Amino acid sequence: WYNKEKFSAWGGVLTTSTNVVFYGTLDRWFKAVDAQSGKELWKFQLGSGIIGNAFTYGNKGKQYVGTFSGIGGWAGVAMNLGLTNDTDALGAAGGYKELTKYNAAPGGGGLTVFSL
């Protein structure tokens, strides 16, 4: 299976023992998909594009999953610096110019954790 996203994925994926894959997108979605079929099971839109890896941990018998968000690096350079020429920042300005439709500048940063 293959799930096409609007922008490149900057964070890694997390696959659980129950065959659920978690990952984030630059247009702010934190998603859970079925590892066997790729079918979207759940999604939540965060305040800024997701640039961190999904992670999980347990505490007192409860399982949690989370991620870091906050546009930065090459994906956010044009937006955060106000670059407008498509060739600015080695072409990143052109490749990611639509990020401003999904993220406010500056994007800010955040840690979001969900209980499973």
Foldseek 3Di string as FASTA:
>chain_A
DDDDDPADFQEDWDADPVQWIWGFAQLAKIWIAGNVPRHTDDIDGDQGGFNYYKDWDDDPHWIKIKGKGFDDDLLCPCVQVVPQDCCPPNRSCVRNVCSVVRAHPRRDMDIDMDID
